[in-house]
Amino acid sequence: MAFFKAQIPESKKEIVLEAKVFFINTLPKVILSYGIVLCLTFIELFIGFRLLKIPYASVLALLIAVLDILPVLGTGAVLIPWGIIHIMTGNYSLAAGIFLLYLAITVIRNIVEPKLIGKQMELHPVVTLASMLTGLRFFGIWGLFGFPIGISFLKKLNRNGTVHIFKPIPE
């Protein structure tokens, strides 16, 4: 650590210290927020599976909720093929139930996640959603999580006057 500290120019040490404090304070909040999203998804899936009388509802709900945290493998990676299989086997009512469950989970997640994550990082939900999608598009999974945190950090540095990226809102 001493070697890395020695490599930082004096003029940049304040920013590095602010970054350290920011990330130490922000990362647990973001992890907690995603934990809440995971629990919410689990509850929605569990209730949906119970209503649809699907066996092993709790185990299936947990597995799919964990997959839902990964945007590439979200609930659709399981529920859409599952619904299609039920259409092909003629079980239209169960297929419709699975598709409705997927739709409900997707809508609720797209509303709750940006608000929850944005609140923890002091970003507007639209900015949070846009930064999540931009980060995902350009940097993959790491960008999904890291880009909103980076935007939040830049906002903090701008507010402190350390950097001057964003213009202040006139009052």
N, C-alpha and C. Protein backbone atom coordinates (compact mmCIF):
# COMPACT_ATOMS: atom_id res chain seq x y z
N MET A 1 0.82 -1.19 0.00
CA MET A 1 0.00 0.00 0.00
C MET A 1 0.86 1.25 0.00
N ALA A 2 1.96 1.19 0.72
CA ALA A 2 2.85 2.35 0.79
C ALA A 2 3.39 2.69 -0.60
N PHE A 3 3.70 1.66 -1.39
CA PHE A 3 4.18 1.89 -2.74
C PHE A 3 3.14 2.62 -3.57
N PHE A 4 1.88 2.15 -3.51
CA PHE A 4 0.82 2.78 -4.30
C PHE A 4 0.53 4.20 -3.83
N LYS A 5 0.56 4.41 -2.52
CA LYS A 5 0.34 5.76 -1.98
C LYS A 5 1.43 6.72 -2.46
N ALA A 6 2.66 6.22 -2.55
CA ALA A 6 3.78 7.06 -2.99
C ALA A 6 3.65 7.44 -4.46
N GLN A 7 2.92 6.67 -5.25
CA GLN A 7 2.78 6.94 -6.68
C GLN A 7 1.74 8.02 -6.97
N ILE A 8 0.91 8.32 -6.02
CA ILE A 8 -0.17 9.30 -6.22
C ILE A 8 0.40 10.70 -6.03
N PRO A 9 0.22 11.57 -7.03
CA PRO A 9 0.71 12.95 -6.88
C PRO A 9 -0.02 13.65 -5.73
N GLU A 10 0.66 14.56 -5.07
CA GLU A 10 0.08 15.30 -3.94
C GLU A 10 -1.24 15.96 -4.31
N SER A 11 -1.32 16.49 -5.52
CA SER A 11 -2.53 17.20 -5.94
C SER A 11 -3.74 16.28 -6.07
N LYS A 12 -3.50 14.97 -6.20
CA LYS A 12 -4.59 14.01 -6.40
C LYS A 12 -4.92 13.21 -5.15
N LYS A 13 -4.15 13.38 -4.09
CA LYS A 13 -4.37 12.57 -2.88
C LYS A 13 -5.73 12.83 -2.24
N GLU A 14 -6.20 14.07 -2.31
CA GLU A 14 -7.51 14.39 -1.73
C GLU A 14 -8.62 13.63 -2.46
N ILE A 15 -8.54 13.57 -3.78
CA ILE A 15 -9.55 12.86 -4.56
C ILE A 15 -9.50 11.37 -4.26
N VAL A 16 -8.30 10.82 -4.15
CA VAL A 16 -8.16 9.39 -3.85
C VAL A 16 -8.74 9.09 -2.46
N LEU A 17 -8.47 9.94 -1.50
CA LEU A 17 -9.02 9.74 -0.15
C LEU A 17 -10.55 9.83 -0.17
N GLU A 18 -11.08 10.81 -0.90
CA GLU A 18 -12.54 10.93 -1.02
C GLU A 18 -13.13 9.70 -1.69
N ALA A 19 -12.44 9.18 -2.71
CA ALA A 19 -12.90 7.98 -3.40
C ALA A 19 -12.95 6.79 -2.45
N LYS A 20 -11.91 6.65 -1.65
CA LYS A 20 -11.86 5.53 -0.70
C LYS A 20 -13.03 5.61 0.28
N VAL A 21 -13.23 6.77 0.86
CA VAL A 21 -14.32 6.95 1.82
C VAL A 21 -15.67 6.72 1.14
N PHE A 22 -15.82 7.28 -0.07
CA PHE A 22 -17.08 7.14 -0.80
C PHE A 22 -17.40 5.67 -1.06
N PHE A 23 -16.43 4.92 -1.58
CA PHE A 23 -16.70 3.53 -1.92
C PHE A 23 -16.90 2.67 -0.68
N ILE A 24 -16.18 2.96 0.37
CA ILE A 24 -16.38 2.20 1.61
C ILE A 24 -17.79 2.44 2.16
N ASN A 25 -18.30 3.66 2.01
CA ASN A 25 -19.65 3.96 2.50
C ASN A 25 -20.75 3.53 1.53
N THR A 26 -20.47 3.57 0.23
CA THR A 26 -21.51 3.33 -0.78
C THR A 26 -21.71 1.85 -1.10
N LEU A 27 -20.63 1.10 -1.23
CA LEU A 27 -20.75 -0.30 -1.65
C LEU A 27 -21.67 -1.12 -0.74
N PRO A 28 -21.56 -1.03 0.58
CA PRO A 28 -22.50 -1.80 1.41
C PRO A 28 -23.96 -1.40 1.17
N LYS A 29 -24.21 -0.12 0.92
CA LYS A 29 -25.58 0.33 0.65
C LYS A 29 -26.10 -0.27 -0.66
N VAL A 30 -25.24 -0.30 -1.67
CA VAL A 30 -25.64 -0.85 -2.96
C VAL A 30 -25.89 -2.35 -2.84
N ILE A 31 -25.01 -3.04 -2.13
CA ILE A 31 -25.19 -4.48 -1.92
C ILE A 31 -26.49 -4.75 -1.17
N LEU A 32 -26.78 -3.96 -0.15
CA LEU A 32 -28.02 -4.10 0.59
C LEU A 32 -29.23 -3.86 -0.33
N SER A 33 -29.14 -2.85 -1.18
CA SER A 33 -30.24 -2.55 -2.11
C SER A 33 -30.50 -3.72 -3.04
N TYR A 34 -29.42 -4.30 -3.59
CA TYR A 34 -29.61 -5.46 -4.47
C TYR A 34 -30.12 -6.66 -3.68
N GLY A 35 -29.74 -6.78 -2.44
CA GLY A 35 -30.30 -7.83 -1.59
C GLY A 35 -31.80 -7.67 -1.41
N ILE A 36 -32.24 -6.42 -1.25
CA ILE A 36 -33.68 -6.15 -1.12
C ILE A 36 -34.40 -6.50 -2.42
N VAL A 37 -33.78 -6.14 -3.56
CA VAL A 37 -34.38 -6.48 -4.86
C VAL A 37 -34.47 -8.00 -5.00
N LEU A 38 -33.43 -8.72 -4.59
CA LEU A 38 -33.44 -10.18 -4.66
C LEU A 38 -34.56 -10.75 -3.79
N CYS A 39 -34.71 -10.23 -2.58
CA CYS A 39 -35.78 -10.71 -1.67
C CYS A 39 -37.15 -10.41 -2.25
N LEU A 40 -37.32 -9.23 -2.81
CA LEU A 40 -38.60 -8.87 -3.42
C LEU A 40 -38.94 -9.82 -4.57
N THR A 41 -37.95 -10.09 -5.41
CA THR A 41 -38.16 -11.01 -6.54
C THR A 41 -38.51 -12.40 -6.02
N PHE A 42 -37.81 -12.85 -4.99
CA PHE A 42 -38.10 -14.16 -4.40
C PHE A 42 -39.55 -14.22 -3.91
N ILE A 43 -39.98 -13.19 -3.19
CA ILE A 43 -41.35 -13.17 -2.66
C ILE A 43 -42.37 -13.19 -3.79
N GLU A 44 -42.13 -12.39 -4.83
CA GLU A 44 -43.06 -12.37 -5.97
C GLU A 44 -43.13 -13.74 -6.64
N LEU A 45 -41.97 -14.35 -6.86
CA LEU A 45 -41.94 -15.68 -7.49
C LEU A 45 -42.61 -16.72 -6.60
N PHE A 46 -42.32 -16.69 -5.32
CA PHE A 46 -42.89 -17.67 -4.39
C PHE A 46 -44.41 -17.58 -4.38
N ILE A 47 -44.92 -16.37 -4.25
CA ILE A 47 -46.38 -16.18 -4.24
C ILE A 47 -46.97 -16.63 -5.56
N GLY A 48 -46.33 -16.23 -6.67
CA GLY A 48 -46.83 -16.63 -7.99
C GLY A 48 -46.84 -18.13 -8.17
N PHE A 49 -45.75 -18.79 -7.77
CA PHE A 49 -45.68 -20.25 -7.91
C PHE A 49 -46.70 -20.95 -7.04
N ARG A 50 -46.93 -20.42 -5.84
CA ARG A 50 -47.94 -21.01 -4.96
C ARG A 50 -49.34 -20.87 -5.57
N LEU A 51 -49.63 -19.67 -6.12
CA LEU A 51 -50.93 -19.46 -6.76
C LEU A 51 -51.11 -20.37 -7.97
N LEU A 52 -50.01 -20.64 -8.68
CA LEU A 52 -50.07 -21.51 -9.86
C LEU A 52 -49.95 -22.99 -9.49
N LYS A 53 -49.81 -23.25 -8.18
CA LYS A 53 -49.70 -24.61 -7.65
C LYS A 53 -48.51 -25.38 -8.25
N ILE A 54 -47.39 -24.68 -8.36
CA ILE A 54 -46.16 -25.28 -8.87
C ILE A 54 -45.41 -25.88 -7.68
N PRO A 55 -45.04 -27.17 -7.77
CA PRO A 55 -44.33 -27.81 -6.65
C PRO A 55 -42.93 -27.21 -6.46
N TYR A 56 -42.42 -27.33 -5.27
CA TYR A 56 -41.10 -26.81 -4.89
C TYR A 56 -41.00 -25.31 -5.14
N ALA A 57 -42.06 -24.60 -4.80
CA ALA A 57 -42.14 -23.17 -5.07
C ALA A 57 -40.99 -22.39 -4.43
N SER A 58 -40.63 -22.71 -3.20
CA SER A 58 -39.60 -21.94 -2.52
C SER A 58 -38.22 -22.15 -3.15
N VAL A 59 -37.90 -23.39 -3.49
CA VAL A 59 -36.60 -23.69 -4.09
C VAL A 59 -36.49 -23.04 -5.47
N LEU A 60 -37.53 -23.21 -6.28
CA LEU A 60 -37.52 -22.61 -7.61
C LEU A 60 -37.46 -21.09 -7.54
N ALA A 61 -38.22 -20.51 -6.63
CA ALA A 61 -38.22 -19.05 -6.48
C ALA A 61 -36.84 -18.54 -6.09
N LEU A 62 -36.18 -19.24 -5.19
CA LEU A 62 -34.84 -18.82 -4.76
C LEU A 62 -33.84 -18.90 -5.91
N LEU A 63 -33.85 -20.00 -6.64
CA LEU A 63 -32.91 -20.16 -7.76
C LEU A 63 -33.13 -19.09 -8.82
N ILE A 64 -34.37 -18.84 -9.17
CA ILE A 64 -34.67 -17.86 -10.21
C ILE A 64 -34.36 -16.44 -9.71
N ALA A 65 -34.63 -16.16 -8.45
CA ALA A 65 -34.32 -14.83 -7.89
C ALA A 65 -32.83 -14.56 -7.92
N VAL A 66 -32.02 -15.56 -7.63
CA VAL A 66 -30.56 -15.39 -7.69
C VAL A 66 -30.14 -15.12 -9.13
N LEU A 67 -30.72 -15.84 -10.08
CA LEU A 67 -30.42 -15.59 -11.50
C LEU A 67 -30.87 -14.19 -11.93
N ASP A 68 -31.90 -13.68 -11.28
CA ASP A 68 -32.44 -12.38 -11.67
C ASP A 68 -31.49 -11.23 -11.36
N ILE A 69 -30.60 -11.41 -10.41
CA ILE A 69 -29.62 -10.36 -10.11
C ILE A 69 -28.70 -10.16 -11.31
N LEU A 70 -28.44 -11.21 -12.06
CA LEU A 70 -27.61 -11.10 -13.27
C LEU A 70 -28.52 -10.71 -14.44
N PRO A 71 -28.29 -9.54 -15.04
CA PRO A 71 -29.21 -9.06 -16.07
C PRO A 71 -29.29 -9.95 -17.30
N VAL A 72 -28.21 -10.62 -17.64
CA VAL A 72 -28.23 -11.49 -18.81
C VAL A 72 -29.08 -12.73 -18.55
N LEU A 73 -29.08 -13.20 -17.32
CA LEU A 73 -29.80 -14.42 -16.96
C LEU A 73 -31.02 -14.13 -16.10
N GLY A 74 -31.67 -13.01 -16.25
CA GLY A 74 -32.79 -12.64 -15.41
C GLY A 74 -33.91 -13.67 -15.39
N THR A 75 -35.00 -13.32 -14.78
CA THR A 75 -36.14 -14.25 -14.65
C THR A 75 -36.63 -14.72 -16.00
N GLY A 76 -36.50 -13.90 -17.01
CA GLY A 76 -36.95 -14.28 -18.35
C GLY A 76 -36.22 -15.48 -18.92
N ALA A 77 -34.97 -15.68 -18.51
CA ALA A 77 -34.19 -16.81 -19.00
C ALA A 77 -34.79 -18.14 -18.56
N VAL A 78 -35.57 -18.11 -17.49
CA VAL A 78 -36.22 -19.33 -17.00
C VAL A 78 -37.71 -19.31 -17.32
N LEU A 79 -38.38 -18.20 -17.01
CA LEU A 79 -39.84 -18.17 -17.12
C LEU A 79 -40.33 -18.19 -18.58
N ILE A 80 -39.65 -17.51 -19.48
CA ILE A 80 -40.11 -17.49 -20.88
C ILE A 80 -40.02 -18.88 -21.51
N PRO A 81 -38.87 -19.57 -21.45
CA PRO A 81 -38.85 -20.94 -22.00
C PRO A 81 -39.83 -21.87 -21.30
N TRP A 82 -39.98 -21.70 -19.99
CA TRP A 82 -40.91 -22.53 -19.24
C TRP A 82 -42.33 -22.32 -19.74
N GLY A 83 -42.70 -21.07 -19.95
CA GLY A 83 -44.03 -20.76 -20.48
C GLY A 83 -44.22 -21.32 -21.88
N ILE A 84 -43.19 -21.22 -22.72
CA ILE A 84 -43.26 -21.75 -24.10
C ILE A 84 -43.43 -23.26 -24.08
N ILE A 85 -42.73 -23.92 -23.19
CA ILE A 85 -42.88 -25.38 -23.08
C ILE A 85 -44.32 -25.75 -22.73
N HIS A 86 -44.94 -24.98 -21.82
CA HIS A 86 -46.33 -25.26 -21.44
C HIS A 86 -47.29 -24.97 -22.59
N ILE A 87 -46.99 -23.98 -23.42
CA ILE A 87 -47.82 -23.74 -24.61
C ILE A 87 -47.71 -24.93 -25.55
N MET A 88 -46.49 -25.41 -25.76
CA MET A 88 -46.27 -26.53 -26.68
C MET A 88 -46.92 -27.82 -26.17
N THR A 89 -47.03 -27.96 -24.85
CA THR A 89 -47.66 -29.17 -24.31
C THR A 89 -49.16 -29.00 -24.11
N GLY A 90 -49.69 -27.82 -24.46
CA GLY A 90 -51.12 -27.59 -24.39
C GLY A 90 -51.63 -27.10 -23.04
N ASN A 91 -50.76 -26.81 -22.12
CA ASN A 91 -51.17 -26.32 -20.81
C ASN A 91 -51.20 -24.79 -20.85
N TYR A 92 -52.20 -24.25 -21.53
CA TYR A 92 -52.28 -22.81 -21.81
C TYR A 92 -52.51 -21.98 -20.55
N SER A 93 -53.26 -22.50 -19.60
CA SER A 93 -53.52 -21.70 -18.40
C SER A 93 -52.25 -21.52 -17.56
N LEU A 94 -51.46 -22.58 -17.42
CA LEU A 94 -50.21 -22.46 -16.68
C LEU A 94 -49.22 -21.56 -17.43
N ALA A 95 -49.18 -21.69 -18.75
CA ALA A 95 -48.31 -20.83 -19.55
C ALA A 95 -48.70 -19.36 -19.38
N ALA A 96 -49.98 -19.07 -19.41
CA ALA A 96 -50.44 -17.70 -19.22
C ALA A 96 -50.07 -17.19 -17.84
N GLY A 97 -50.21 -18.04 -16.83
CA GLY A 97 -49.85 -17.66 -15.47
C GLY A 97 -48.36 -17.35 -15.35
N ILE A 98 -47.54 -18.16 -15.97
CA ILE A 98 -46.09 -17.94 -15.92
C ILE A 98 -45.72 -16.65 -16.64
N PHE A 99 -46.33 -16.40 -17.81
CA PHE A 99 -46.05 -15.17 -18.55
C PHE A 99 -46.52 -13.93 -17.77
N LEU A 100 -47.68 -14.03 -17.12
CA LEU A 100 -48.17 -12.90 -16.31
C LEU A 100 -47.25 -12.66 -15.11
N LEU A 101 -46.78 -13.74 -14.51
CA LEU A 101 -45.84 -13.61 -13.39
C LEU A 101 -44.56 -12.92 -13.86
N TYR A 102 -44.04 -13.33 -15.02
CA TYR A 102 -42.84 -12.70 -15.57
C TYR A 102 -43.08 -11.22 -15.84
N LEU A 103 -44.22 -10.90 -16.40
CA LEU A 103 -44.55 -9.50 -16.69
C LEU A 103 -44.61 -8.68 -15.40
N ALA A 104 -45.27 -9.20 -14.39
CA ALA A 104 -45.40 -8.49 -13.11
C ALA A 104 -44.03 -8.27 -12.46
N ILE A 105 -43.20 -9.29 -12.46
CA ILE A 105 -41.86 -9.18 -11.86
C ILE A 105 -41.03 -8.15 -12.61
N THR A 106 -41.10 -8.17 -13.93
CA THR A 106 -40.32 -7.24 -14.75
C THR A 106 -40.76 -5.80 -14.50
N VAL A 107 -42.06 -5.56 -14.47
CA VAL A 107 -42.57 -4.20 -14.25
C VAL A 107 -42.18 -3.70 -12.86
N ILE A 108 -42.40 -4.53 -11.85
CA ILE A 108 -42.09 -4.13 -10.48
C ILE A 108 -40.59 -3.88 -10.32
N ARG A 109 -39.77 -4.75 -10.88
CA ARG A 109 -38.32 -4.57 -10.76
C ARG A 109 -37.86 -3.29 -11.45
N ASN A 110 -38.40 -3.01 -12.63
CA ASN A 110 -38.00 -1.81 -13.37
C ASN A 110 -38.45 -0.53 -12.67
N ILE A 111 -39.42 -0.62 -11.81
CA ILE A 111 -39.85 0.55 -11.04
C ILE A 111 -39.04 0.66 -9.75
N VAL A 112 -38.90 -0.45 -9.04
CA VAL A 112 -38.29 -0.45 -7.70
C VAL A 112 -36.76 -0.30 -7.76
N GLU A 113 -36.11 -1.04 -8.65
CA GLU A 113 -34.64 -1.07 -8.64
C GLU A 113 -34.00 0.31 -8.83
N PRO A 114 -34.38 1.09 -9.87
CA PRO A 114 -33.74 2.41 -9.99
C PRO A 114 -34.02 3.33 -8.81
N LYS A 115 -35.23 3.26 -8.25
CA LYS A 115 -35.54 4.11 -7.09
C LYS A 115 -34.69 3.70 -5.89
N LEU A 116 -34.61 2.42 -5.62
CA LEU A 116 -33.89 1.93 -4.47
C LEU A 116 -32.39 2.18 -4.59
N ILE A 117 -31.81 1.82 -5.72
CA ILE A 117 -30.38 2.02 -5.94
C ILE A 117 -30.08 3.52 -5.99
N GLY A 118 -30.91 4.28 -6.70
CA GLY A 118 -30.71 5.72 -6.81
C GLY A 118 -30.76 6.43 -5.48
N LYS A 119 -31.66 5.99 -4.61
CA LYS A 119 -31.78 6.60 -3.28
C LYS A 119 -30.49 6.38 -2.49
N GLN A 120 -29.93 5.19 -2.57
CA GLN A 120 -28.71 4.89 -1.84
C GLN A 120 -27.52 5.70 -2.37
N MET A 121 -27.54 6.01 -3.66
CA MET A 121 -26.42 6.74 -4.26
C MET A 121 -26.74 8.21 -4.51
N GLU A 122 -27.89 8.65 -4.03
CA GLU A 122 -28.32 10.04 -4.17
C GLU A 122 -28.40 10.46 -5.63
N LEU A 123 -28.97 9.57 -6.46
CA LEU A 123 -29.20 9.87 -7.88
C LEU A 123 -30.69 9.78 -8.16
N HIS A 124 -31.15 10.58 -9.11
CA HIS A 124 -32.54 10.49 -9.55
C HIS A 124 -32.75 9.11 -10.18
N PRO A 125 -33.93 8.50 -10.00
CA PRO A 125 -34.17 7.17 -10.57
C PRO A 125 -33.95 7.09 -12.08
N VAL A 126 -34.28 8.13 -12.81
CA VAL A 126 -34.07 8.11 -14.27
C VAL A 126 -32.57 8.10 -14.58
N VAL A 127 -31.80 8.89 -13.84
CA VAL A 127 -30.35 8.91 -14.02
C VAL A 127 -29.77 7.55 -13.65
N THR A 128 -30.28 6.96 -12.58
CA THR A 128 -29.80 5.64 -12.16
C THR A 128 -30.08 4.60 -13.23
N LEU A 129 -31.32 4.57 -13.75
CA LEU A 129 -31.67 3.60 -14.78
C LEU A 129 -30.84 3.82 -16.03
N ALA A 130 -30.69 5.07 -16.46
CA ALA A 130 -29.90 5.37 -17.65
C ALA A 130 -28.44 4.96 -17.46
N SER A 131 -27.89 5.22 -16.28
CA SER A 131 -26.49 4.85 -16.05
C SER A 131 -26.33 3.33 -15.95
N MET A 132 -27.33 2.64 -15.40
CA MET A 132 -27.28 1.18 -15.34
C MET A 132 -27.30 0.59 -16.75
N LEU A 133 -28.19 1.08 -17.59
CA LEU A 133 -28.30 0.57 -18.96
C LEU A 133 -27.06 0.92 -19.78
N THR A 134 -26.56 2.14 -19.63
CA THR A 134 -25.35 2.55 -20.34
C THR A 134 -24.16 1.72 -19.89
N GLY A 135 -24.02 1.55 -18.59
CA GLY A 135 -22.93 0.74 -18.06
C GLY A 135 -23.00 -0.69 -18.54
N LEU A 136 -24.20 -1.26 -18.55
CA LEU A 136 -24.39 -2.63 -19.03
C LEU A 136 -24.02 -2.74 -20.50
N ARG A 137 -24.44 -1.77 -21.29
CA ARG A 137 -24.19 -1.80 -22.74
C ARG A 137 -22.70 -1.73 -23.06
N PHE A 138 -21.98 -0.85 -22.38
CA PHE A 138 -20.58 -0.63 -22.72
C PHE A 138 -19.59 -1.44 -21.90
N PHE A 139 -19.95 -1.84 -20.69
CA PHE A 139 -19.00 -2.51 -19.81
C PHE A 139 -19.51 -3.84 -19.26
N GLY A 140 -20.69 -4.28 -19.71
CA GLY A 140 -21.22 -5.56 -19.26
C GLY A 140 -21.70 -5.52 -17.81
N ILE A 141 -21.61 -6.67 -17.16
CA ILE A 141 -22.09 -6.81 -15.79
C ILE A 141 -21.42 -5.79 -14.87
N TRP A 142 -20.12 -5.59 -15.03
CA TRP A 142 -19.40 -4.65 -14.16
C TRP A 142 -19.93 -3.24 -14.35
N GLY A 143 -20.26 -2.88 -15.58
CA GLY A 143 -20.79 -1.55 -15.85
C GLY A 143 -22.17 -1.33 -15.25
N LEU A 144 -22.97 -2.40 -15.21
CA LEU A 144 -24.30 -2.30 -14.62
C LEU A 144 -24.23 -1.80 -13.19
N PHE A 145 -23.27 -2.31 -12.45
CA PHE A 145 -23.12 -1.93 -11.05
C PHE A 145 -22.19 -0.72 -10.89
N GLY A 146 -21.10 -0.71 -11.65
CA GLY A 146 -20.07 0.30 -11.47
C GLY A 146 -20.39 1.67 -12.04
N PHE A 147 -21.09 1.72 -13.16
CA PHE A 147 -21.36 3.00 -13.80
C PHE A 147 -22.21 3.92 -12.93
N PRO A 148 -23.32 3.43 -12.34
CA PRO A 148 -24.08 4.31 -11.44
C PRO A 148 -23.26 4.77 -10.23
N ILE A 149 -22.41 3.90 -9.72
CA ILE A 149 -21.56 4.28 -8.59
C ILE A 149 -20.58 5.37 -9.03
N GLY A 150 -20.02 5.22 -10.23
CA GLY A 150 -19.11 6.23 -10.76
C GLY A 150 -19.79 7.57 -10.96
N ILE A 151 -21.01 7.56 -11.50
CA ILE A 151 -21.77 8.80 -11.69
C ILE A 151 -22.04 9.45 -10.33
N SER A 152 -22.41 8.65 -9.36
CA SER A 152 -22.67 9.16 -8.02
C SER A 152 -21.41 9.78 -7.42
N PHE A 153 -20.27 9.13 -7.63
CA PHE A 153 -19.02 9.65 -7.12
C PHE A 153 -18.66 10.98 -7.78
N LEU A 154 -18.83 11.06 -9.11
CA LEU A 154 -18.58 12.33 -9.81
C LEU A 154 -19.50 13.43 -9.30
N LYS A 155 -20.74 13.08 -9.03
CA LYS A 155 -21.68 14.06 -8.49
C LYS A 155 -21.20 14.57 -7.13
N LYS A 156 -20.71 13.65 -6.30
CA LYS A 156 -20.20 14.04 -4.98
C LYS A 156 -18.98 14.95 -5.11
N LEU A 157 -18.05 14.59 -5.99
CA LEU A 157 -16.86 15.42 -6.19
C LEU A 157 -17.24 16.80 -6.73
N ASN A 158 -18.22 16.83 -7.60
CA ASN A 158 -18.67 18.12 -8.16
C ASN A 158 -19.32 18.96 -7.06
N ARG A 159 -20.14 18.33 -6.23
CA ARG A 159 -20.81 19.04 -5.14
C ARG A 159 -19.80 19.61 -4.14
N ASN A 160 -18.71 18.86 -3.90
CA ASN A 160 -17.67 19.32 -2.98
C ASN A 160 -16.76 20.38 -3.60
N GLY A 161 -16.85 20.55 -4.92
CA GLY A 161 -15.99 21.52 -5.60
C GLY A 161 -14.63 20.95 -5.97
N THR A 162 -14.44 19.64 -5.79
CA THR A 162 -13.17 19.01 -6.14
C THR A 162 -12.98 18.99 -7.65
N VAL A 163 -14.05 18.70 -8.37
CA VAL A 163 -14.05 18.76 -9.83
C VAL A 163 -15.21 19.64 -10.26
N HIS A 164 -15.16 20.10 -11.47
CA HIS A 164 -16.23 20.96 -11.98
C HIS A 164 -16.73 20.39 -13.31
N ILE A 165 -17.61 19.38 -13.20
CA ILE A 165 -18.14 18.71 -14.38
C ILE A 165 -19.54 19.23 -14.69
N PHE A 166 -20.39 19.24 -13.68
CA PHE A 166 -21.78 19.63 -13.85
C PHE A 166 -21.96 21.07 -13.42
N LYS A 167 -22.75 21.80 -14.15
CA LYS A 167 -23.06 23.18 -13.78
C LYS A 167 -24.10 23.16 -12.67
N PRO A 168 -24.00 24.10 -11.72
CA PRO A 168 -25.00 24.13 -10.65
C PRO A 168 -26.37 24.57 -11.19
N ILE A 169 -27.41 24.09 -10.54
CA ILE A 169 -28.77 24.44 -10.93
C ILE A 169 -29.04 25.87 -10.42
N PRO A 170 -29.45 26.79 -11.30
CA PRO A 170 -29.74 28.16 -10.84
C PRO A 170 -30.97 28.15 -9.93
N GLU A 171 -30.91 28.97 -8.90
CA GLU A 171 -32.03 29.01 -7.94
C GLU A 171 -32.92 30.18 -8.20
